[in-house]
Amino acid sequence: MNYRNRAGSFALAFPAIGAHLHEQGAGLLAWALLALQFLVYPHLVYWHARSSADPKRVELRAVLLDGGLFGMWVAALGFPLWITVLLLLSVSISHTSFHGVRGLPRALGVIAAGVALGIAAAGWHPALHTGWLATALCIVCLSAYLLIVAEGAYARAIDLHRTREQLRQGEQALQAANQRLRRQLDDIRTLESRLREQADRDPLTGVYNRRYFDAAMARELANCRRERLPLGLLLIDIDHFKQVNDTHGHQAGDAVLDRLAQLLREHARAADVICRYGGEEFLLLLPGIPQAAAVVRAEALREAFSRLRVAFDGAQVSATLSIGVACAAPDGAESPAQLLRHADQALYRAKAAGRNRVVAHLLEAAALAHGPRR
């Protein structure tokens, strides 16, 4: 842009100053210097700046050199009014374009230095008058230069506006991409949560599976010890479940399992943990429940299930439960495996005693069996 401005404005100034030289009857040397300054010099400066490792620094120096050379021309020509206005104003505009208003003192300084060199070289011979042709050409040149600078400012403003618009659009696109990414991350987190939930659930009954129960039992046992509360455990088994499958089919057996899971959910508290232990066995973890209360809960479940009739394929399927009860004391040292083994031992005794009953671990024989009187 500076090359265009300098080359264009210098070319316009050439005929204006040339008209003044013609009026003054200048010699060949003055014409040669004029051509070198206003027709050759701009291209040399541009070539030097392009080939430099730091074009901006070279161009700033060239602007200072312009001011000094113009000051020399003004002094050498005797300060003709319109040529002086043309050259000094163009230097001031160039410095202001690069440095703002604070560039004016620098422009005046280099002009003054050029004037001093011009006076030293050509002497002091003021000649303020310019002929009508030189005056007209100076006015045309100055007007054209101002238009060139204005057009450059307009072009920069358009480029700046275009760049800002591109940045705005890029920012909007980036925000949209971030929103899409955020939604995708939310979808991924939701999917991960669902997958974790599915991994912890029994696909048939919807209750927790053994994998989840192992972690939950260790966690609840630690919590109960910390809060000095008991932890009850029911191990529940459907009596003669194989006969249900053999008589009515496996789909009927699945319906019975699902109905038992539903019954457990209906009788469970929010803190209780229901798990399908495997096959026809279920576990019910009862935080804060002592063994006596756990036996009462187990007996209520046994009685409720014995009254159920599961309709399947025109038949009414029924079954009974055997339940083993174990409890970890608040100050006990039972591990999860030991507590589960105690419940399993109680369940074995319930089955050995005739099934359809609740048996608690380590109770007196008279209190072990709870079931229908035979």
Protein backbone atom coordinates (compact mmCIF):
# COMPACT_ATOMS: atom_id res chain seq x y z
CA MET A 1 0.00 0.00 0.00
CA ASN A 2 2.86 2.41 0.84
CA TYR A 3 4.51 1.59 -2.47
CA ARG A 4 1.31 2.48 -4.29
CA ASN A 5 0.87 5.70 -2.32
CA ARG A 6 4.49 6.80 -2.65
CA ALA A 7 4.86 5.90 -6.32
CA GLY A 8 1.51 7.50 -7.25
CA SER A 9 1.97 10.70 -5.26
CA PHE A 10 5.61 11.16 -6.35
CA ALA A 11 4.59 10.70 -9.99
CA LEU A 12 1.87 13.35 -9.53
CA ALA A 13 4.34 15.75 -7.88
CA PHE A 14 6.84 15.39 -10.72
CA PRO A 15 4.92 17.53 -13.29
CA ALA A 16 4.01 20.14 -10.64
CA ILE A 17 7.65 20.67 -9.59
CA GLY A 18 8.74 20.25 -13.21
CA ALA A 19 6.46 23.12 -14.24
CA HIS A 20 8.11 25.32 -11.62
CA LEU A 21 11.61 24.32 -12.78
CA HIS A 22 10.61 25.13 -16.36
CA GLU A 23 9.39 28.58 -15.29
CA GLN A 24 12.69 29.14 -13.48
CA GLY A 25 14.75 27.91 -16.44
CA ALA A 26 16.44 25.17 -14.40
CA GLY A 27 19.37 23.27 -15.89
CA LEU A 28 19.83 19.60 -16.77
CA LEU A 29 21.16 18.66 -13.31
CA ALA A 30 17.98 19.88 -11.60
CA TRP A 31 15.84 17.88 -14.03
CA ALA A 32 17.97 14.77 -13.49
CA LEU A 33 17.69 15.09 -9.71
CA LEU A 34 13.93 15.64 -10.04
CA ALA A 35 13.50 12.48 -12.14
CA LEU A 36 15.73 10.47 -9.82
CA GLN A 37 13.83 11.67 -6.72
CA PHE A 38 10.23 11.40 -7.95
CA LEU A 39 10.35 8.67 -10.63
CA VAL A 40 13.15 6.28 -9.63
CA TYR A 41 13.49 6.65 -5.86
CA PRO A 42 10.02 5.18 -4.93
CA HIS A 43 10.79 1.93 -6.76
CA LEU A 44 14.24 1.64 -5.20
CA VAL A 45 12.77 2.08 -1.72
CA TYR A 46 10.12 -0.56 -2.43
CA TRP A 47 12.69 -3.03 -3.75
CA HIS A 48 14.92 -2.48 -0.70
CA ALA A 49 12.02 -2.98 1.73
CA ARG A 50 10.85 -6.19 0.03
CA SER A 51 14.34 -7.69 0.07
CA SER A 52 14.91 -6.77 3.72
CA ALA A 53 14.44 -9.16 6.66
CA ASP A 54 12.47 -6.41 8.46
CA PRO A 55 10.39 -4.56 5.80
CA LYS A 56 8.49 -2.49 8.36
CA ARG A 57 11.63 -1.02 9.89
CA VAL A 58 13.00 -0.18 6.41
CA GLU A 59 9.73 1.48 5.42
CA LEU A 60 9.66 3.63 8.57
CA ARG A 61 13.17 4.80 7.78
CA ALA A 62 12.09 5.56 4.21
CA VAL A 63 9.27 7.78 5.52
CA LEU A 64 11.85 9.75 7.53
CA LEU A 65 14.06 9.97 4.44
CA ASP A 66 11.10 11.29 2.41
CA GLY A 67 10.71 14.16 4.87
CA GLY A 68 14.37 15.04 4.78
CA LEU A 69 14.53 15.00 0.97
CA PHE A 70 11.36 17.08 0.64
CA GLY A 71 12.83 19.63 3.07
CA MET A 72 15.92 19.84 0.87
CA TRP A 73 13.78 20.36 -2.26
CA VAL A 74 11.74 23.11 -0.59
CA ALA A 75 14.91 24.95 0.47
CA ALA A 76 16.68 24.39 -2.85
CA LEU A 77 13.68 25.77 -4.81
CA GLY A 78 13.44 28.85 -2.56
CA PHE A 79 10.27 27.87 -0.66
CA PRO A 80 7.71 28.31 -3.48
CA LEU A 81 4.36 28.51 -1.67
CA TRP A 82 2.28 25.76 -3.31
CA ILE A 83 5.17 23.33 -3.72
CA THR A 84 6.11 23.88 -0.07
CA VAL A 85 2.52 23.20 1.03
CA LEU A 86 2.34 20.12 -1.20
CA LEU A 87 5.56 18.51 0.02
CA LEU A 88 5.32 19.42 3.70
CA LEU A 89 1.67 18.38 3.96
CA SER A 90 2.33 15.03 2.26
CA VAL A 91 5.19 14.30 4.69
CA SER A 92 3.01 15.23 7.69
CA ILE A 93 0.18 12.98 6.45
CA SER A 94 2.58 10.06 5.97
CA HIS A 95 4.02 10.38 9.48
CA THR A 96 0.55 10.73 10.98
CA SER A 97 -0.58 7.58 9.13
CA PHE A 98 2.22 5.61 10.78
CA HIS A 99 2.47 7.22 14.21
CA GLY A 100 -0.71 9.24 14.79
CA VAL A 101 -0.58 12.87 15.91
CA ARG A 102 2.54 12.14 17.94
CA GLY A 103 4.31 11.60 14.58
CA LEU A 104 3.97 15.30 13.63
CA PRO A 105 6.92 16.54 15.73
CA ARG A 106 9.10 13.88 14.12
CA ALA A 107 7.89 14.94 10.66
CA LEU A 108 8.67 18.59 11.40
CA GLY A 109 12.08 17.61 12.74
CA VAL A 110 13.17 15.70 9.63
CA ILE A 111 11.76 18.45 7.38
CA ALA A 112 13.74 21.04 9.32
CA ALA A 113 16.87 18.94 8.98
CA GLY A 114 16.29 18.66 5.23
CA VAL A 115 15.69 22.40 4.94
CA ALA A 116 18.96 23.08 6.75
CA LEU A 117 20.85 20.75 4.39
CA GLY A 118 19.14 22.35 1.39
CA ILE A 119 20.11 25.85 2.48
CA ALA A 120 23.65 24.68 3.16
CA ALA A 121 23.90 23.17 -0.32
CA ALA A 122 22.00 25.72 -2.46
CA GLY A 123 22.11 28.86 -0.35
CA TRP A 124 19.30 31.09 0.86
CA HIS A 125 17.27 32.58 -2.00
CA PRO A 126 13.55 32.79 -1.15
CA ALA A 127 11.17 32.69 -4.16
CA LEU A 128 7.65 32.21 -2.80
CA HIS A 129 5.79 32.80 -6.06
CA THR A 130 4.63 29.85 -8.24
CA GLY A 131 3.30 30.22 -11.74
CA TRP A 132 -0.30 29.43 -12.59
CA LEU A 133 0.59 26.07 -14.19
CA ALA A 134 2.69 24.93 -11.25
CA THR A 135 0.00 26.17 -8.86
CA ALA A 136 -2.75 24.29 -10.72
CA LEU A 137 -0.68 21.12 -10.87
CA CYS A 138 0.13 21.39 -7.15
CA ILE A 139 -3.58 21.69 -6.36
CA VAL A 140 -4.35 18.67 -8.56
CA CYS A 141 -1.47 16.69 -7.05
CA LEU A 142 -2.45 17.55 -3.47
CA SER A 143 -6.10 16.67 -4.14
CA ALA A 144 -5.11 13.39 -5.79
CA TYR A 145 -2.77 12.54 -2.91
CA LEU A 146 -5.50 13.15 -0.35
CA LEU A 147 -7.85 10.96 -2.39
CA ILE A 148 -5.19 8.23 -2.58
CA VAL A 149 -4.73 8.37 1.21
CA ALA A 150 -8.50 8.41 1.76
CA GLU A 151 -8.97 5.45 -0.57
CA GLY A 152 -6.23 3.57 1.31
CA ALA A 153 -7.91 4.34 4.62
CA TYR A 154 -11.20 3.13 3.16
CA ALA A 155 -9.57 -0.06 1.92
CA ARG A 156 -8.05 -0.66 5.36
CA ALA A 157 -11.41 -0.02 6.99
CA ILE A 158 -13.09 -2.49 4.62
CA ASP A 159 -10.39 -5.08 5.29
CA LEU A 160 -10.73 -4.49 9.02
CA HIS A 161 -14.50 -4.83 8.82
CA ARG A 162 -14.18 -7.98 6.73
CA THR A 163 -11.64 -9.42 9.16
CA ARG A 164 -13.85 -8.61 12.14
CA GLU A 165 -16.82 -10.16 10.37
CA GLN A 166 -14.79 -13.28 9.64
CA LEU A 167 -13.66 -13.37 13.27
CA ARG A 168 -17.26 -12.92 14.42
CA GLN A 169 -18.44 -15.69 12.12
CA GLY A 170 -15.54 -17.85 13.24
CA GLU A 171 -16.42 -17.17 16.87
CA GLN A 172 -20.06 -18.04 16.21
CA ALA A 173 -18.99 -21.21 14.40
CA LEU A 174 -16.68 -22.06 17.31
CA GLN A 175 -19.47 -21.44 19.82
CA ALA A 176 -21.82 -23.61 17.76
CA ALA A 177 -19.15 -26.31 17.58
CA ASN A 178 -18.62 -26.04 21.35
CA GLN A 179 -22.36 -26.36 21.92
CA ARG A 180 -22.50 -29.41 19.66
CA LEU A 181 -19.50 -30.87 21.46
CA ARG A 182 -21.12 -30.12 24.83
CA ARG A 183 -24.32 -31.84 23.72
CA GLN A 184 -22.31 -34.79 22.44
CA LEU A 185 -20.44 -34.99 25.75
CA ASP A 186 -23.75 -34.84 27.62
CA ASP A 187 -25.10 -37.61 25.38
CA ILE A 188 -21.94 -39.64 26.01
CA ARG A 189 -22.24 -39.14 29.77
CA THR A 190 -25.91 -40.10 29.65
CA LEU A 191 -25.06 -43.17 27.59
CA GLU A 192 -22.24 -44.08 29.95
CA SER A 193 -24.62 -43.71 32.89
CA ARG A 194 -27.16 -45.91 31.18
CA LEU A 195 -24.53 -48.48 30.32
CA ARG A 196 -23.27 -48.50 33.91
CA GLU A 197 -26.87 -48.86 35.10
CA GLN A 198 -27.46 -51.70 32.67
CA ALA A 199 -24.21 -53.34 33.74
CA ASP A 200 -25.42 -53.25 37.37
CA ARG A 201 -28.95 -54.50 36.63
CA ASP A 202 -30.42 -57.93 36.07
CA PRO A 203 -31.95 -57.77 32.55
CA LEU A 204 -34.98 -59.94 33.46
CA THR A 205 -36.16 -58.43 36.75
CA GLY A 206 -34.55 -54.97 36.70
CA VAL A 207 -33.12 -55.35 40.20
CA TYR A 208 -29.38 -55.12 40.89
CA ASN A 209 -27.12 -58.00 39.93
CA ARG A 210 -24.42 -59.77 41.94
CA ARG A 211 -21.70 -57.47 40.57
CA TYR A 212 -23.38 -54.40 42.03
CA PHE A 213 -24.36 -56.16 45.25
CA ASP A 214 -20.76 -57.08 46.14
CA ALA A 215 -19.73 -53.41 46.09
CA ALA A 216 -22.93 -52.24 47.80
CA MET A 217 -22.61 -54.80 50.60
CA ALA A 218 -19.04 -53.76 51.40
CA ARG A 219 -20.04 -50.09 51.35
CA GLU A 220 -23.11 -50.55 53.56
CA LEU A 221 -21.23 -52.73 56.02
CA ALA A 222 -18.57 -50.01 56.40
CA ASN A 223 -21.26 -47.33 56.81
CA CYS A 224 -23.12 -49.29 59.48
CA ARG A 225 -19.92 -49.88 61.45
CA ARG A 226 -19.03 -46.18 61.24
CA GLU A 227 -22.52 -45.18 62.44
CA ARG A 228 -22.72 -48.14 64.88
CA LEU A 229 -25.84 -49.60 63.30
CA PRO A 230 -26.73 -53.23 62.48
CA LEU A 231 -26.95 -54.52 58.92
CA GLY A 232 -29.55 -57.14 58.05
CA LEU A 233 -29.37 -59.53 55.09
CA LEU A 234 -32.07 -61.78 53.60
CA LEU A 235 -31.17 -64.59 51.24
CA ILE A 236 -34.40 -65.58 49.46
CA ASP A 237 -34.99 -68.73 47.40
CA ILE A 238 -38.11 -69.81 45.48
CA ASP A 239 -39.08 -73.31 46.59
CA HIS A 240 -39.14 -76.04 43.93
CA PHE A 241 -38.56 -73.49 41.17
CA LYS A 242 -37.46 -76.25 38.80
CA GLN A 243 -40.94 -77.75 39.01
CA VAL A 244 -42.42 -74.40 37.93
CA ASN A 245 -40.21 -74.42 34.84
CA ASP A 246 -40.87 -78.09 34.11
CA THR A 247 -44.64 -77.78 34.56
CA HIS A 248 -45.38 -74.40 33.00
CA GLY A 249 -42.25 -73.62 30.97
CA HIS A 250 -39.33 -71.25 31.45
CA GLN A 251 -41.36 -68.21 30.42
CA ALA A 252 -43.71 -68.90 33.31
CA GLY A 253 -40.67 -69.21 35.58
CA ASP A 254 -39.43 -65.84 34.31
CA ALA A 255 -42.84 -64.34 35.12
CA VAL A 256 -42.61 -65.69 38.68
CA LEU A 257 -39.09 -64.24 39.09
CA ASP A 258 -40.26 -60.86 37.80
CA ARG A 259 -43.25 -60.87 40.17
CA LEU A 260 -41.02 -61.67 43.13
CA ALA A 261 -38.72 -58.76 42.18
CA GLN A 262 -41.76 -56.50 42.02
CA LEU A 263 -42.89 -57.70 45.47
CA LEU A 264 -39.42 -57.01 46.90
CA ARG A 265 -39.52 -53.47 45.51
CA GLU A 266 -42.96 -52.94 47.07
CA HIS A 267 -41.69 -53.99 50.52
CA ALA A 268 -38.28 -52.29 50.34
CA ARG A 269 -37.27 -48.97 51.82
CA ALA A 270 -35.31 -46.40 49.86
CA ALA A 271 -32.09 -47.45 51.65
CA ASP A 272 -32.60 -51.19 51.00
CA VAL A 273 -30.67 -52.93 48.20
CA ILE A 274 -32.38 -55.66 46.16
CA CYS A 275 -30.29 -58.08 44.13
CA ARG A 276 -30.87 -61.17 42.05
CA TYR A 277 -28.19 -63.45 43.43
CA GLY A 278 -28.49 -66.06 40.71
CA GLY A 279 -31.15 -68.35 39.28
CA GLU A 280 -34.13 -68.21 41.65
CA GLU A 281 -32.22 -66.66 44.57
CA PHE A 282 -32.50 -63.01 45.63
CA LEU A 283 -30.70 -60.92 48.25
CA LEU A 284 -32.19 -58.07 50.26
CA LEU A 285 -29.77 -55.84 52.15
CA LEU A 286 -31.33 -53.95 55.10
CA PRO A 287 -29.10 -51.16 56.50
CA GLY A 288 -29.84 -50.23 60.13
CA ILE A 289 -32.17 -53.25 60.67
CA PRO A 290 -31.42 -55.59 63.63
CA GLN A 291 -31.90 -59.31 63.23
CA ALA A 292 -35.30 -59.49 64.97
CA ALA A 293 -36.74 -56.80 62.70
CA ALA A 294 -35.14 -58.47 59.67
CA VAL A 295 -36.94 -61.73 60.57
CA VAL A 296 -40.26 -59.83 60.76
CA ARG A 297 -39.58 -58.29 57.32
CA ALA A 298 -38.69 -61.70 55.90
CA GLU A 299 -41.83 -63.32 57.30
CA ALA A 300 -44.01 -60.57 55.76
CA LEU A 301 -42.38 -61.21 52.38
CA ARG A 302 -42.83 -64.96 52.69
CA GLU A 303 -46.51 -64.65 53.53
CA ALA A 304 -47.18 -62.07 50.79
CA PHE A 305 -45.50 -64.23 48.14
CA SER A 306 -47.32 -67.38 49.20
CA ARG A 307 -50.63 -65.61 48.52
CA LEU A 308 -49.60 -64.50 45.02
CA ARG A 309 -50.95 -66.14 41.90
CA VAL A 310 -49.07 -65.38 38.69
CA ALA A 311 -51.34 -65.66 35.65
CA PHE A 312 -49.57 -67.19 32.67
CA ASP A 313 -51.00 -68.77 29.53
CA GLY A 314 -54.36 -69.46 31.18
CA ALA A 315 -52.81 -70.98 34.33
CA GLN A 316 -52.37 -69.62 37.86
CA VAL A 317 -48.77 -70.22 38.93
CA SER A 318 -47.91 -70.07 42.62
CA ALA A 319 -44.83 -70.81 44.70
CA THR A 320 -43.38 -70.33 48.18
CA LEU A 321 -40.19 -68.86 49.59
CA SER A 322 -37.44 -70.06 51.91
CA ILE A 323 -35.50 -67.20 53.50
CA GLY A 324 -32.26 -67.20 55.43
CA VAL A 325 -31.63 -64.20 57.71
CA ALA A 326 -28.26 -62.96 58.94
CA CYS A 327 -27.24 -59.75 60.68
CA ALA A 328 -23.95 -57.94 61.23
CA ALA A 329 -23.71 -56.37 64.68
CA PRO A 330 -22.67 -52.69 64.93
CA ASP A 331 -19.42 -53.66 66.69
CA GLY A 332 -18.97 -56.96 64.85
CA ALA A 333 -16.07 -57.96 62.63
CA GLU A 334 -17.98 -59.88 59.95
CA SER A 335 -16.73 -59.51 56.42
CA PRO A 336 -19.19 -59.35 53.50
CA ALA A 337 -18.33 -62.95 52.65
CA GLN A 338 -18.95 -64.09 56.23
CA LEU A 339 -22.30 -62.30 56.45
CA LEU A 340 -23.38 -63.86 53.14
CA ARG A 341 -22.21 -67.29 54.34
CA HIS A 342 -24.28 -66.92 57.52
CA ALA A 343 -27.37 -66.09 55.45
CA ASP A 344 -26.67 -69.05 53.17
CA GLN A 345 -26.37 -71.38 56.18
CA ALA A 346 -29.69 -70.12 57.53
CA LEU A 347 -31.31 -70.65 54.12
CA TYR A 348 -29.98 -74.21 54.01
CA ARG A 349 -31.55 -74.89 57.41
CA ALA A 350 -34.85 -73.42 56.19
CA LYS A 351 -34.87 -75.80 53.24
CA ALA A 352 -33.85 -78.74 55.41
CA ALA A 353 -36.72 -77.90 57.77
CA GLY A 354 -39.29 -78.29 55.02
CA ARG A 355 -39.07 -75.02 53.02
CA ASN A 356 -41.64 -72.18 53.00
CA ARG A 357 -40.16 -70.70 56.13
CA VAL A 358 -37.78 -68.09 57.55
CA VAL A 359 -34.66 -69.13 59.49
CA ALA A 360 -32.29 -66.73 61.23
CA HIS A 361 -28.63 -67.45 61.80
CA LEU A 362 -27.49 -68.43 65.31
CA LEU A 363 -30.91 -68.40 67.06
CA GLU A 364 -32.27 -71.01 69.40
CA ALA A 365 -33.96 -73.92 67.65
CA ALA A 366 -37.38 -72.91 68.96
CA ALA A 367 -37.02 -69.53 67.34
CA LEU A 368 -35.37 -70.65 64.13
CA ALA A 369 -38.37 -71.76 62.13
CA HIS A 370 -41.18 -69.42 61.17
CA GLY A 371 -43.69 -70.81 58.74
CA PRO A 372 -47.14 -72.21 58.34
CA ARG A 373 -48.17 -74.79 60.90
CA ARG A 374 -48.32 -78.25 59.40
